Protein backbone atom coordinates (compact mmCIF):
# COMPACT_ATOMS: atom_id res chain seq x y z
CA MET A 1 0.00 0.00 0.00
CA ASN A 2 1.24 3.44 -0.82
CA LYS A 3 0.60 6.65 1.10
CA ASN A 4 -2.55 7.57 -0.81
CA THR A 5 -4.12 4.19 -0.08
CA VAL A 6 -3.35 4.54 3.61
CA LEU A 7 -4.93 8.01 3.66
CA ALA A 8 -7.98 6.68 1.81
CA TRP A 9 -8.45 3.88 4.36
CA ALA A 10 -7.93 6.31 7.24
CA THR A 11 -10.57 8.61 5.76
CA PHE A 12 -13.03 5.74 5.35
CA ILE A 13 -12.49 4.48 8.91
CA MET A 14 -12.83 7.96 10.38
CA ILE A 15 -16.10 8.50 8.51
CA LEU A 16 -17.43 5.22 9.93
CA VAL A 17 -16.38 6.17 13.47
CA GLY A 18 -17.88 9.64 13.03
CA LEU A 19 -21.18 8.17 11.87
CA GLY A 20 -21.14 5.79 14.82
CA LEU A 21 -20.55 8.59 17.31
CA ILE A 22 -23.28 10.72 15.80
CA ALA A 23 -25.65 7.73 15.89
CA LEU A 24 -24.80 7.18 19.57
CA GLY A 25 -25.51 10.82 20.29
CA VAL A 26 -28.83 10.77 18.47
CA PHE A 27 -30.26 7.39 19.41
CA LYS A 28 -28.69 6.21 22.68
CA TYR A 29 -27.76 9.31 24.67
CA THR A 30 -30.60 11.77 24.30
CA ASP A 31 -29.47 14.00 27.19
CA VAL A 32 -26.52 16.39 27.36
CA ALA A 33 -24.01 13.59 26.68
CA GLY A 34 -25.57 13.15 23.25
CA TRP A 35 -24.44 16.63 22.26
CA GLY A 36 -20.88 15.67 23.18
CA PHE A 37 -20.97 12.46 21.18
CA ALA A 38 -22.42 14.24 18.15
CA SER A 39 -19.89 17.07 18.29
CA VAL A 40 -16.98 14.61 18.51
CA GLY A 41 -18.48 12.79 15.52
CA VAL A 42 -18.49 16.04 13.55
CA GLY A 43 -14.87 16.53 14.58
CA PHE A 44 -14.05 13.11 13.14
CA PHE A 45 -15.66 14.25 9.88
CA ALA A 46 -13.44 17.35 9.87
CA ILE A 47 -10.28 15.28 10.37
CA ALA A 48 -11.40 12.83 7.66
CA TRP A 49 -11.88 15.79 5.33
CA VAL A 50 -8.29 16.89 6.01
CA PHE A 51 -7.01 13.36 5.34
CA ASN A 52 -8.92 13.32 2.07
CA ALA A 53 -7.46 16.70 1.10
CA LEU A 54 -3.94 15.41 1.78
CA LYS A 55 -4.23 12.57 -0.72
CA GLY A 56 -1.81 13.18 -3.58
CA ARG A 57 0.07 15.93 -1.72
CA VAL A 58 2.06 13.88 0.78
């Protein structure tokens, strides 16, 4: 695997984890903790976006 493939897999995994955290925040924790889970999930999306933008540049 080259660097671009590693970044693609990292992006895919981080999107899955972000979706899982957002789902936990929406469906399981409906109180204040749900806001924390959802915001961390959005943060995972932001980091995955950066990884996707780095493909081909590193």
